[in-house]
Protein backbone atom coordinates (compact mmCIF):
# COMPACT_ATOMS: atom_id res chain seq x y z
CA MET A 1 0.59 -23.46 -38.70
CA VAL A 2 -1.27 -25.65 -36.21
CA LEU A 3 -3.85 -28.00 -37.73
CA VAL A 4 -6.75 -29.25 -35.65
CA MET A 5 -8.32 -32.29 -37.26
CA VAL A 6 -11.97 -33.16 -36.78
CA CYS A 7 -12.72 -36.66 -38.03
CA PRO A 8 -16.17 -38.17 -38.54
CA PRO A 9 -17.05 -41.17 -36.38
CA CYS A 10 -16.16 -44.59 -37.71
CA GLU A 11 -18.88 -47.04 -38.55
CA LYS A 12 -19.60 -49.51 -35.79
CA GLY A 13 -18.14 -52.89 -36.36
CA ASP A 14 -14.80 -51.65 -37.72
CA GLY A 15 -12.96 -53.05 -34.72
CA HIS A 16 -12.85 -49.84 -32.68
CA GLU A 17 -14.62 -49.61 -29.34
CA GLY A 18 -17.66 -47.33 -29.43
CA GLY A 19 -17.28 -46.84 -33.19
CA ARG A 20 -14.24 -44.53 -32.93
CA SER A 21 -10.55 -45.17 -33.09
CA MET A 22 -8.18 -44.03 -30.35
CA LYS A 23 -6.81 -41.46 -32.78
CA GLN A 24 -10.26 -40.00 -33.37
CA MET A 25 -11.01 -39.90 -29.64
CA ALA A 26 -7.80 -37.90 -29.15
CA ASN A 27 -8.82 -35.25 -31.71
CA ILE A 28 -9.13 -31.74 -30.27
CA VAL A 29 -12.72 -30.68 -30.90
CA LYS A 30 -12.95 -27.52 -28.77
CA LYS A 31 -10.74 -24.85 -27.23
CA VAL A 32 -12.04 -22.51 -24.55
CA ILE A 33 -10.10 -19.30 -23.85
CA PHE A 34 -10.55 -17.08 -20.80
CA LYS A 35 -8.97 -13.60 -20.76
CA VAL A 36 -10.31 -12.12 -17.53
CA PRO A 37 -9.30 -8.62 -16.36
CA VAL A 38 -9.06 -8.78 -12.56
CA THR A 39 -8.40 -6.23 -9.84
CA LEU A 40 -6.78 -6.81 -6.48
CA LYS A 41 -9.42 -5.96 -3.86
CA SER A 42 -7.24 -6.55 -0.78
CA PRO A 43 -3.47 -6.69 -0.14
CA LEU A 44 -1.63 -9.65 -1.63
CA ARG A 45 1.16 -11.43 0.21
CA ILE A 46 2.90 -14.01 -1.94
CA GLY A 47 6.44 -14.43 -0.70
CA CYS A 48 9.58 -15.13 -2.68
CA GLY A 49 11.21 -17.03 0.19
CA TYR A 50 13.91 -14.59 1.20
CA ASP A 51 14.43 -11.17 2.80
CA ASP A 52 16.57 -8.12 2.03
CA GLY A 53 17.95 -7.70 5.53
CA ILE A 54 15.31 -5.09 6.36
CA THR A 55 11.95 -6.69 5.58
CA ASP A 56 11.40 -10.27 6.74
CA LEU A 57 9.40 -11.38 3.69
CA LEU A 58 9.41 -9.87 0.19
CA VAL A 59 6.85 -10.22 -2.59
CA LEU A 60 7.55 -12.57 -5.50
CA LYS A 61 8.29 -10.50 -8.62
CA ALA A 62 8.78 -11.12 -12.33
CA ALA A 63 12.00 -10.22 -14.15
CA ASP A 64 10.70 -6.70 -14.85
CA GLY A 65 9.96 -6.08 -11.16
CA ARG A 66 6.18 -6.42 -11.32
CA PRO A 67 4.35 -8.67 -8.81
CA LEU A 68 3.90 -12.25 -10.00
CA VAL A 69 1.21 -14.77 -9.08
CA PRO A 70 2.46 -18.18 -10.28
CA ALA A 71 0.16 -20.32 -12.41
CA THR A 72 0.55 -23.08 -9.81
CA SER A 73 -1.16 -20.86 -7.22
CA LEU A 74 -4.00 -19.91 -9.56
CA ALA A 75 -4.57 -23.49 -10.72
CA GLY A 76 -4.57 -24.77 -7.15
CA VAL A 77 -7.13 -22.20 -6.01
CA LEU A 78 -9.39 -22.83 -9.02
CA ARG A 79 -9.19 -26.59 -8.51
CA GLN A 80 -10.18 -26.19 -4.85
CA GLN A 81 -13.12 -23.98 -5.81
CA VAL A 82 -14.31 -26.51 -8.39
CA ARG A 83 -13.94 -29.34 -5.86
CA GLU A 84 -16.14 -27.46 -3.38
CA LEU A 85 -18.77 -26.51 -5.95
CA TYR A 86 -18.89 -29.90 -7.69
CA ASP A 87 -16.96 -32.78 -6.09
CA GLU A 88 -13.53 -34.41 -6.02
CA ARG A 89 -14.24 -36.64 -9.01
CA LEU A 90 -15.15 -33.77 -11.31
CA ALA A 91 -12.22 -31.69 -10.04
CA ASP A 92 -9.90 -34.56 -11.04
CA PHE A 93 -11.68 -34.85 -14.39
CA CYS A 94 -11.10 -31.16 -15.18
CA PHE A 95 -7.70 -30.54 -13.59
CA GLY A 96 -6.15 -34.01 -13.80
CA GLN A 97 -4.81 -36.22 -11.04
CA ILE A 98 -1.94 -38.46 -10.01
CA ASP A 99 -3.02 -41.39 -7.84
CA ASP A 100 0.10 -42.95 -6.33
CA SER A 101 -1.88 -45.28 -4.08
CA LYS A 102 -1.68 -47.96 -6.76
CA LYS A 103 2.05 -48.59 -6.80
CA ALA A 104 1.96 -51.11 -9.61
CA LYS A 105 0.12 -48.84 -12.04
CA PRO A 106 -0.50 -45.27 -10.85
CA GLU A 107 -3.56 -43.55 -12.31
CA ILE A 108 -2.51 -40.39 -14.12
CA GLY A 109 -4.87 -37.93 -15.79
CA GLN A 110 -3.79 -34.86 -17.73
CA SER A 111 -5.37 -31.52 -16.87
CA ARG A 112 -7.77 -30.08 -19.42
CA VAL A 113 -7.15 -26.60 -17.96
CA TYR A 114 -3.94 -24.69 -18.67
CA VAL A 115 -3.25 -21.56 -16.62
CA ASP A 116 -0.75 -18.77 -17.30
CA ASP A 117 1.24 -16.83 -14.71
CA LEU A 118 -0.49 -13.62 -13.65
CA ILE A 119 1.65 -10.46 -13.72
CA LEU A 120 0.08 -7.48 -11.97
CA ASP A 121 0.37 -3.82 -12.93
CA ILE A 122 0.66 -1.89 -9.70
CA ASP A 123 -1.36 1.21 -8.85
CA GLY A 124 0.56 4.17 -7.41
CA GLU A 125 3.40 3.10 -5.14
CA GLY A 126 2.09 -0.43 -5.44
CA TYR A 127 3.52 -1.95 -2.28
CA LEU A 128 2.87 -1.65 1.41
CA HIS A 129 4.60 -2.92 4.53
CA ARG A 130 2.77 -4.42 7.45
CA ASP A 131 3.92 -5.53 10.89
CA GLY A 132 2.76 -8.58 12.77
CA VAL A 133 3.23 -9.96 16.25
CA ALA A 134 2.26 -13.18 17.98
CA ILE A 135 -0.05 -12.66 20.98
CA ASP A 136 0.00 -14.80 24.11
CA ASP A 137 -3.39 -16.53 24.48
CA TYR A 138 -3.52 -16.04 28.24
CA THR A 139 -1.93 -12.63 28.88
CA GLY A 140 -3.14 -10.95 25.68
CA ILE A 141 0.25 -9.24 25.16
CA GLY A 142 2.93 -9.74 22.53
CA ILE A 143 5.40 -12.63 22.75
CA ASP A 144 9.07 -11.62 22.98
CA GLY A 145 10.93 -12.15 19.71
CA ALA A 146 7.73 -12.86 17.78
CA LYS A 147 7.47 -9.56 15.91
CA PHE A 148 7.94 -9.57 12.13
CA ASP A 149 7.20 -7.46 9.07
CA TYR A 150 6.41 -8.25 5.47
CA GLU A 151 5.90 -6.68 2.08
CA ALA A 152 2.56 -6.95 0.27
CA VAL A 153 1.08 -5.78 -3.01
CA ASP A 154 -1.36 -2.96 -2.36
CA ARG A 155 -4.99 -3.26 -3.42
CA GLY A 156 -5.79 -1.68 -6.76
CA ALA A 157 -3.22 -3.66 -8.77
CA SER A 158 -4.65 -5.21 -11.93
CA GLY A 159 -3.88 -7.89 -14.47
CA VAL A 160 -5.40 -10.41 -16.87
CA VAL A 161 -5.94 -14.05 -15.92
CA GLN A 162 -5.55 -16.29 -18.97
CA LEU A 163 -6.84 -19.86 -19.13
CA GLU A 164 -6.99 -22.34 -21.97
CA ILE A 165 -9.23 -25.41 -21.81
CA THR A 166 -8.48 -28.17 -24.31
CA LEU A 167 -11.32 -30.58 -25.01
CA ARG A 168 -10.79 -33.75 -26.98
CA ALA A 169 -13.49 -35.96 -28.44
CA ALA A 170 -13.08 -38.37 -25.52
CA ASP A 171 -13.57 -35.55 -23.00
CA VAL A 172 -16.80 -34.38 -24.63
CA GLU A 173 -18.14 -37.92 -24.94
CA GLU A 174 -17.31 -38.80 -21.33
CA ALA A 175 -18.95 -35.61 -20.05
CA GLN A 176 -22.19 -36.48 -21.85
CA ALA A 177 -22.67 -39.33 -19.39
CA PHE A 178 -22.70 -36.98 -16.37
CA ASP A 179 -25.99 -36.58 -14.56
CA ALA A 180 -27.50 -33.14 -15.15
CA SER A 181 -28.16 -32.89 -11.40
CA VAL A 182 -24.51 -31.88 -10.90
CA PHE A 183 -24.96 -28.85 -13.17
CA ARG A 184 -25.06 -25.44 -11.48
CA HIS A 185 -26.81 -23.68 -14.36
CA THR A 186 -30.21 -24.78 -15.63
CA ASP A 187 -29.50 -23.43 -19.13
CA ALA A 188 -26.22 -25.37 -19.53
CA VAL A 189 -26.03 -27.38 -22.77
CA ASP A 190 -23.62 -29.93 -21.31
CA PHE A 191 -21.12 -30.29 -18.46
CA TRP A 192 -18.39 -28.28 -20.18
CA ASP A 193 -20.79 -25.40 -20.82
CA ASP A 194 -21.75 -25.51 -17.15
CA PHE A 195 -18.07 -25.68 -16.13
CA ASN A 196 -17.19 -22.61 -18.21
CA LYS A 197 -20.04 -20.62 -16.68
CA THR A 198 -19.00 -21.74 -13.20
CA LEU A 199 -15.46 -20.49 -13.83
CA ALA A 200 -16.92 -17.14 -14.91
CA ASP A 201 -18.96 -17.03 -11.68
CA ILE A 202 -15.82 -17.80 -9.65
CA PHE A 203 -13.88 -14.94 -11.25
CA TYR A 204 -16.77 -12.52 -10.71
CA THR A 205 -17.16 -13.56 -7.06
CA GLY A 206 -13.40 -13.47 -6.52
CA ILE A 207 -10.62 -15.86 -5.54
CA HIS A 208 -8.05 -15.55 -2.76
CA VAL A 209 -4.43 -16.27 -3.68
CA GLY A 210 -1.17 -16.16 -1.77
CA SER A 211 -0.86 -16.40 2.00
CA LEU A 212 -3.03 -14.98 4.80
CA THR A 213 -6.12 -15.67 2.69
CA ALA A 214 -8.11 -16.59 5.80
CA LYS A 215 -7.42 -13.03 6.99
CA GLY A 216 -8.84 -11.49 3.82
CA PHE A 217 -5.63 -11.11 1.81
CA GLY A 218 -5.20 -11.74 -1.92
CA LEU A 219 -8.74 -11.19 -3.21
CA LEU A 220 -8.73 -11.04 -7.03
CA ALA A 221 -12.03 -10.40 -8.78
CA SER A 222 -13.51 -9.26 -12.06
CA ASP A 223 -15.20 -5.86 -11.93
CA SER A 224 -17.76 -6.85 -14.56
CA LYS A 225 -20.35 -9.58 -14.93
CA ASP A 226 -19.25 -9.85 -18.56
CA VAL A 227 -16.38 -12.24 -17.88
CA PRO A 228 -14.60 -12.69 -21.26
CA PHE A 229 -14.40 -16.27 -22.49
CA TYR A 230 -15.03 -17.90 -25.85
CA THR A 231 -15.46 -21.49 -27.02
CA PHE A 232 -13.80 -22.33 -30.34
CA ASP A 233 -15.99 -25.21 -31.57
CA PHE A 234 -14.09 -26.73 -34.50
CA SER A 235 -17.15 -28.61 -35.72
CA LYS A 236 -18.65 -25.27 -36.83
CA PRO A 237 -17.64 -23.43 -40.01
CA GLY A 238 -15.18 -20.59 -39.56
CA GLU A 239 -14.16 -21.46 -35.99
CA PHE A 240 -10.84 -22.90 -37.14
CA TYR A 241 -9.86 -19.57 -38.75
CA LYS A 242 -10.88 -17.66 -35.62
CA TRP A 243 -8.57 -19.97 -33.70
CA LEU A 244 -5.71 -19.19 -36.07
CA ASP A 245 -6.35 -15.47 -35.54
CA TYR A 246 -6.12 -16.05 -31.81
CA LEU A 247 -2.83 -17.92 -32.17
CA ASP A 248 -1.48 -15.02 -34.22
CA ALA A 249 -2.60 -12.12 -32.00
CA GLY A 250 -4.08 -13.60 -28.81
CA GLN A 251 -1.18 -12.58 -26.57
CA GLN A 252 -1.37 -8.92 -27.56
CA ALA A 253 -2.81 -6.61 -24.91
CA ASP A 254 -5.44 -5.11 -27.23
CA TYR A 255 -6.71 -8.46 -28.55
CA GLN A 256 -10.43 -9.03 -28.03
CA LEU A 257 -11.97 -12.49 -27.99
CA PRO A 258 -14.75 -13.15 -30.51
CA VAL A 259 -18.25 -12.38 -29.25
CA SER A 260 -20.11 -15.48 -28.07
CA PRO A 261 -23.42 -16.20 -29.82
CA ILE A 262 -25.08 -16.38 -26.40
CA PRO A 263 -23.30 -13.98 -23.99
CA TYR A 264 -23.20 -15.05 -20.35
CA GLN A 265 -23.69 -12.72 -17.39
CA ALA A 266 -21.76 -14.06 -14.41
CA GLU A 267 -23.42 -14.36 -11.01
CA SER A 268 -22.10 -14.54 -7.46
CA VAL A 269 -21.26 -18.09 -6.44
CA GLN A 270 -23.80 -19.68 -4.13
CA TYR A 271 -21.93 -21.99 -1.78
CA PRO A 272 -23.39 -25.08 -0.07
CA GLU A 273 -25.87 -24.71 2.78
CA ASP A 274 -23.29 -25.75 5.38
CA THR A 275 -21.33 -22.54 4.70
CA LEU A 276 -21.86 -19.90 7.39
CA VAL A 277 -21.82 -16.29 6.15
CA MET A 278 -22.16 -13.32 8.51
CA ASP A 279 -22.38 -9.78 7.10
CA MET A 280 -22.29 -7.24 9.92
CA GLN A 281 -22.59 -3.49 10.20
CA PHE A 282 -21.31 -1.76 13.34
CA GLY A 283 -20.89 1.83 14.40
CA LEU A 284 -17.77 3.27 16.02
CA LYS A 285 -18.85 4.72 19.37
CA SER A 286 -15.75 6.77 20.21
CA SER A 287 -12.24 6.38 18.80
CA LEU A 288 -10.16 3.65 17.17
CA LEU A 289 -6.42 3.11 16.94
CA VAL A 290 -4.84 0.22 15.04
CA ARG A 291 -1.26 1.41 14.88
CA ASP A 292 0.57 1.83 11.59
CA TYR A 293 4.25 1.35 12.43
CA ASN A 294 5.29 2.83 9.08
CA ALA A 295 3.33 6.07 9.49
CA GLY A 296 4.59 9.34 10.93
CA GLY A 297 8.17 10.47 10.67
CA PRO A 298 10.52 13.28 11.60
CA SER A 299 7.86 15.91 10.82
CA ASP A 300 6.11 15.17 14.12
CA LEU A 301 8.19 13.02 16.44
CA SER A 302 5.76 13.56 19.31
CA VAL A 303 3.10 11.40 17.59
CA ILE A 304 4.07 7.87 18.55
CA SER A 305 1.16 6.03 16.90
CA VAL A 306 -1.21 6.76 14.01
CA GLN A 307 -4.29 4.86 12.84
CA MET A 308 -3.50 2.58 9.87
CA LYS A 309 -4.64 3.93 6.51
CA ASN A 310 -4.78 2.61 2.95
CA HIS A 311 -5.44 5.03 0.09
CA ASN A 312 -8.30 7.22 1.37
CA ASP A 313 -9.67 4.63 3.78
CA PHE A 314 -8.72 3.76 7.33
CA VAL A 315 -8.14 0.06 7.87
CA ILE A 316 -8.89 -2.61 10.43
CA PRO A 317 -6.59 -5.39 9.15
CA GLY A 318 -7.83 -8.94 8.89
CA THR A 319 -4.97 -10.01 11.16
CA THR A 320 -6.23 -7.69 13.90
CA LEU A 321 -9.83 -8.80 13.53
CA LYS A 322 -8.88 -12.47 13.48
CA GLY A 323 -6.88 -12.01 16.68
CA VAL A 324 -9.83 -10.31 18.39
CA ILE A 325 -12.20 -13.12 17.40
CA ARG A 326 -9.79 -15.83 18.52
CA HIS A 327 -9.09 -14.18 21.87
CA ARG A 328 -12.78 -13.68 22.65
CA ALA A 329 -13.70 -17.18 21.48
CA GLN A 330 -11.04 -18.67 23.74
CA GLY A 331 -12.40 -16.71 26.70
CA LEU A 332 -15.91 -18.05 26.06
CA LEU A 333 -14.72 -21.64 25.62
CA ARG A 334 -12.71 -21.56 28.84
CA LYS A 335 -15.95 -20.83 30.71
CA ILE A 336 -17.73 -23.71 28.98
CA PHE A 337 -15.05 -26.42 29.09
CA SER A 338 -13.16 -27.28 32.26
CA ASP A 339 -10.74 -29.44 30.25
CA PRO A 340 -8.21 -27.17 28.44
CA GLU A 341 -7.60 -29.82 25.79
CA ARG A 342 -11.25 -29.76 24.70
CA TRP A 343 -11.49 -26.01 24.15
CA GLN A 344 -8.04 -25.94 22.54
CA ASP A 345 -9.07 -28.63 20.03
CA PHE A 346 -12.27 -26.68 19.35
CA ILE A 347 -10.48 -23.41 18.62
CA ASN A 348 -7.72 -25.10 16.60
CA HIS A 349 -10.27 -26.80 14.34
CA LEU A 350 -12.13 -23.55 13.72
CA MET A 351 -9.28 -21.06 13.50
CA GLY A 352 -6.25 -23.19 12.67
CA TYR A 353 -2.89 -23.48 14.37
CA ALA A 354 0.82 -23.85 13.66
CA ASN A 355 3.30 -25.86 15.74
CA GLU A 356 6.69 -25.01 14.28
CA SER A 357 8.60 -27.28 16.67
CA LYS A 358 6.66 -30.33 15.45
CA GLY A 359 6.24 -29.07 11.90
CA VAL A 360 2.45 -29.51 11.94
CA GLY A 361 -0.43 -27.13 11.47
CA GLN A 362 -3.88 -26.57 10.02
CA GLN A 363 -5.38 -23.73 8.03
CA SER A 364 -8.20 -21.74 9.57
CA HIS A 365 -11.76 -22.58 8.51
CA LEU A 366 -12.85 -19.07 9.44
CA MET A 367 -12.27 -16.40 6.80
CA VAL A 368 -12.55 -12.71 7.60
CA HIS A 369 -12.23 -9.66 5.38
CA GLU A 370 -10.39 -6.45 6.10
CA ALA A 371 -12.61 -3.55 7.13
CA TYR A 372 -12.19 -0.24 5.30
CA ILE A 373 -13.63 2.92 6.86
CA PRO A 374 -13.97 5.88 4.43
CA SER A 375 -12.04 8.92 5.64
CA SER A 376 -15.11 11.06 4.97
CA GLN A 377 -16.99 9.17 7.70
CA VAL A 378 -14.47 9.83 10.50
CA ARG A 379 -11.89 12.41 11.53
CA LEU A 380 -8.25 11.89 12.40
CA HIS A 381 -7.45 13.87 15.52
CA LYS A 382 -4.27 14.08 17.57
CA GLN A 383 -4.64 13.38 21.26
CA THR A 384 -1.89 14.43 23.66
CA ARG A 385 -1.43 12.56 26.92
CA ASN A 386 0.93 12.37 29.92
CA ARG A 387 2.48 9.34 31.54
CA ILE A 388 1.64 9.06 35.23
CA ASP A 389 3.92 7.91 38.03
CA ARG A 390 2.10 5.00 39.67
CA LEU A 391 3.55 5.68 43.11
CA ILE A 392 2.91 9.40 43.54
CA GLY A 393 0.09 9.82 41.02
CA GLY A 394 1.83 12.77 39.37
CA THR A 395 3.05 13.23 35.82
CA ILE A 396 6.47 11.99 34.74
CA GLU A 397 8.76 14.76 33.53
CA GLY A 398 9.46 14.61 29.78
CA ALA A 399 6.84 11.89 29.24
CA LEU A 400 4.41 13.92 27.14
CA PHE A 401 3.30 12.00 24.04
CA SER A 402 0.64 12.15 21.34
CA GLU A 403 -1.42 9.61 19.41
CA ALA A 404 -3.59 10.07 16.34
CA PRO A 405 -6.64 7.78 16.42
CA ILE A 406 -9.75 8.22 14.32
CA TRP A 407 -12.91 9.55 15.95
CA ARG A 408 -16.58 9.25 15.12
CA ASN A 409 -18.26 12.34 13.75
CA LYS A 410 -20.50 14.28 16.07
CA ASP A 411 -23.82 13.46 14.45
CA PHE A 412 -23.50 9.76 13.60
CA LEU A 413 -21.55 6.59 14.29
CA ALA A 414 -18.84 5.78 11.76
CA PRO A 415 -19.84 2.65 9.81
CA VAL A 416 -17.65 -0.43 10.21
CA HIS A 417 -18.45 -3.44 8.04
CA PHE A 418 -17.29 -6.99 8.81
CA LYS A 419 -17.76 -10.19 6.84
CA TRP A 420 -17.01 -13.65 8.24
CA SER A 421 -17.48 -17.02 6.56
CA VAL A 422 -16.87 -20.66 7.50
CA LYS A 423 -17.07 -23.48 4.97
CA LYS A 424 -18.43 -26.82 6.20
CA CYS A 425 -19.41 -25.10 9.41
CA GLN A 426 -20.65 -27.11 12.38
CA ASP A 427 -23.62 -25.96 14.44
CA ARG A 428 -21.45 -25.40 17.49
CA GLU A 429 -18.99 -23.27 15.49
CA ALA A 430 -21.89 -21.14 14.23
CA GLY A 431 -23.08 -20.79 17.83
CA LEU A 432 -19.65 -19.69 19.05
CA LEU A 433 -19.28 -17.04 16.34
CA PHE A 434 -22.79 -15.79 17.09
CA LEU A 435 -21.72 -15.26 20.72
CA VAL A 436 -18.59 -13.39 19.60
CA MET A 437 -20.74 -11.21 17.34
CA ARG A 438 -23.12 -10.58 20.25
CA ASP A 439 -20.25 -9.37 22.43
CA LEU A 440 -19.02 -7.07 19.66
CA TRP A 441 -22.60 -5.84 19.22
CA MET A 442 -22.89 -5.00 22.93
CA GLY A 443 -19.54 -3.19 22.99
CA ASN A 444 -17.88 -5.78 25.24
CA VAL A 445 -15.01 -6.55 22.85
CA PRO A 446 -12.80 -3.58 21.90
CA ILE A 447 -10.64 -3.60 18.77
CA GLY A 448 -7.14 -2.17 18.45
CA GLY A 449 -5.03 -0.37 21.03
CA GLY A 450 -6.10 1.79 23.93
CA ALA A 451 -8.87 -0.54 25.10
CA ALA A 452 -8.18 0.48 28.71
CA ILE A 453 -9.11 4.09 27.90
CA GLY A 454 -12.28 3.27 25.96
CA ARG A 455 -10.99 2.99 22.41
CA GLY A 456 -12.16 0.50 19.81
CA VAL A 457 -15.69 0.04 21.18
CA LEU A 458 -18.32 -0.81 18.57
CA GLN A 459 -22.11 -0.73 18.60
CA GLY A 460 -24.15 -3.24 16.63
CA GLN A 461 -26.47 -2.04 13.89
CA ARG A 462 -27.14 -4.94 11.54
CA CYS A 463 -26.20 -8.61 11.15
CA HIS A 464 -27.21 -10.76 8.19
CA LEU A 465 -26.59 -14.44 8.97
CA ARG A 466 -26.95 -17.23 6.39
CA PHE A 467 -26.49 -20.83 7.50
CA LYS A 468 -28.04 -24.09 6.34
CA GLN A 469 -31.64 -23.33 5.39
CA TRP A 470 -31.83 -20.17 7.47
CA ASP A 471 -31.53 -16.53 6.45
CA ILE A 472 -31.71 -14.26 9.51
CA VAL A 473 -31.38 -10.48 9.80
CA LEU A 474 -30.86 -8.75 13.15
CA GLU A 475 -31.21 -4.97 13.30
CA GLY A 476 -30.75 -2.60 16.22
CA ASP A 477 -31.30 1.09 16.84
CA GLY A 478 -27.93 1.46 18.51
CA GLU A 479 -29.23 1.01 22.04
CA HIS A 480 -31.36 -1.95 23.13
CA ALA A 481 -34.20 -2.38 20.62
CA LEU A 482 -33.69 -5.32 18.28
CA SER A 483 -35.77 -6.49 15.34
CA ILE A 484 -35.44 -9.99 13.93
CA GLN A 485 -36.54 -11.19 10.51
CA GLY A 486 -35.84 -14.57 9.00
CA MET A 487 -36.53 -17.14 6.33
CA GLN A 488 -36.34 -20.93 6.55
CA LYS A 489 -36.42 -23.00 3.36
CA GLY A 490 -37.68 -19.92 1.54
CA GLN A 491 -40.62 -19.50 3.94
CA GLU A 492 -40.97 -16.61 6.37
CA ALA A 493 -40.07 -17.53 9.95
CA THR A 494 -41.16 -15.83 13.16
CA PRO A 495 -38.62 -13.98 15.33
CA GLN A 496 -39.02 -16.67 18.00
CA GLN A 497 -38.22 -19.44 15.49
CA CYS A 498 -35.08 -17.56 14.46
CA MET A 499 -33.96 -17.18 18.06
CA ASP A 500 -34.72 -20.84 18.77
CA PHE A 501 -32.41 -21.85 15.92
CA LEU A 502 -29.61 -19.58 17.14
CA GLU A 503 -30.03 -20.83 20.72
CA GLN A 504 -29.89 -24.39 19.43
CA CYS A 505 -26.53 -23.66 17.77
CA VAL A 506 -25.24 -22.08 20.98
CA ALA A 507 -26.37 -25.11 23.00
CA GLU A 508 -24.26 -27.36 20.75
CA ILE A 509 -21.02 -25.66 21.88
CA GLY A 510 -20.68 -27.66 25.08
CA ARG A 511 -21.68 -31.02 23.64
């Protein structure tokens, strides 16, 4: 049996600072338990560090073969989220810190948050294999020897994230001194109540774990606003026995946490004003082909490439979209900057880089999400073509081949939804991404293969842009007409004011 002692405060003047002894300040006064069912919304790539001779990178798995997300990954992601939503000091206060800068006496703080490993139950086959290739920035074609493949956990896998927050008397007392201005919830009783609600918001909004997170991979989120967590307050009657019940049965799959006296409905996290968010809706004008190298087979050897599909949806992978954005952004920057070093530094800061020879790199600030196109909105149709002899202009004997792209339906454009975001975005970065979006909108930037024969062309329909104190919506009829609506500081702005702000961001690119 585990005993949790709650001692009354000592009388002042008994020789203990603040009226309490060190032993009393170390008493555990609260335990907060999170048991959050989460679902994988996008593929997860979390490598084990070795290959099987066939696939270059395999997924990390538990002893029973199920995918495993280590607690270190979850804790690191949660700490980073808390740091962005609060600040570094409060992140250290909640998750602990080791400050080695003071060699004589390093500052060490224990984490109040304990995280368990997350084991996922896979849905269906559970795994998918993707191919990747490095693209030359200048030629736009693949680099020799830079092709690779990897295993990933398919979306739809599910599991339960378990957290335990241990609060001692000293933690509660120290948190009482925090300014309420740092709280994110107006109804929060104290900092720890606000922190618990913020964690619930984070799980409802979703966290990205593993690698390739800037390309939309590894999104774990709760499907319900009722994020399960409970605070065992040992100063209240009966809470100690509830805690003992949890210790006895808390790890069982069917265990339900006690119902909180005041249930909390989680909300989507609202990030700082300097975060750029662009939600875009496009229409597919003709056909699209992002090749799935694992599709097809001996049943139809004539089909050399098939549009990538996941479950019942066709996919534009985040890796493909990120490559398109980077390539177009580089083309725009080359026209603006005559000095290659300036535009290269610009693009590296925004979209990251990796220099394996020097062992240095930087993660991308730009995050994109994979685009899923429902199969009911398009049709997969085989197209047979001939290779042509460039000298004589005739067909090459035996060079008949087929491809299977997706095509728009006759009566409407197939919807394609993109979402981009940049944390701590600069005005010039927002301006550059607006120009890239404009080129996509106008159909000047194709996506996928077959661009030379008109594939992958999109047509803009709607763009919702949120940045700083601006909230701007652009809508088009598919041709040339464009309506603009916007808000600044919660007040309605005119279309001209919205355009002036966007033009101001674009003007910052060359400065």
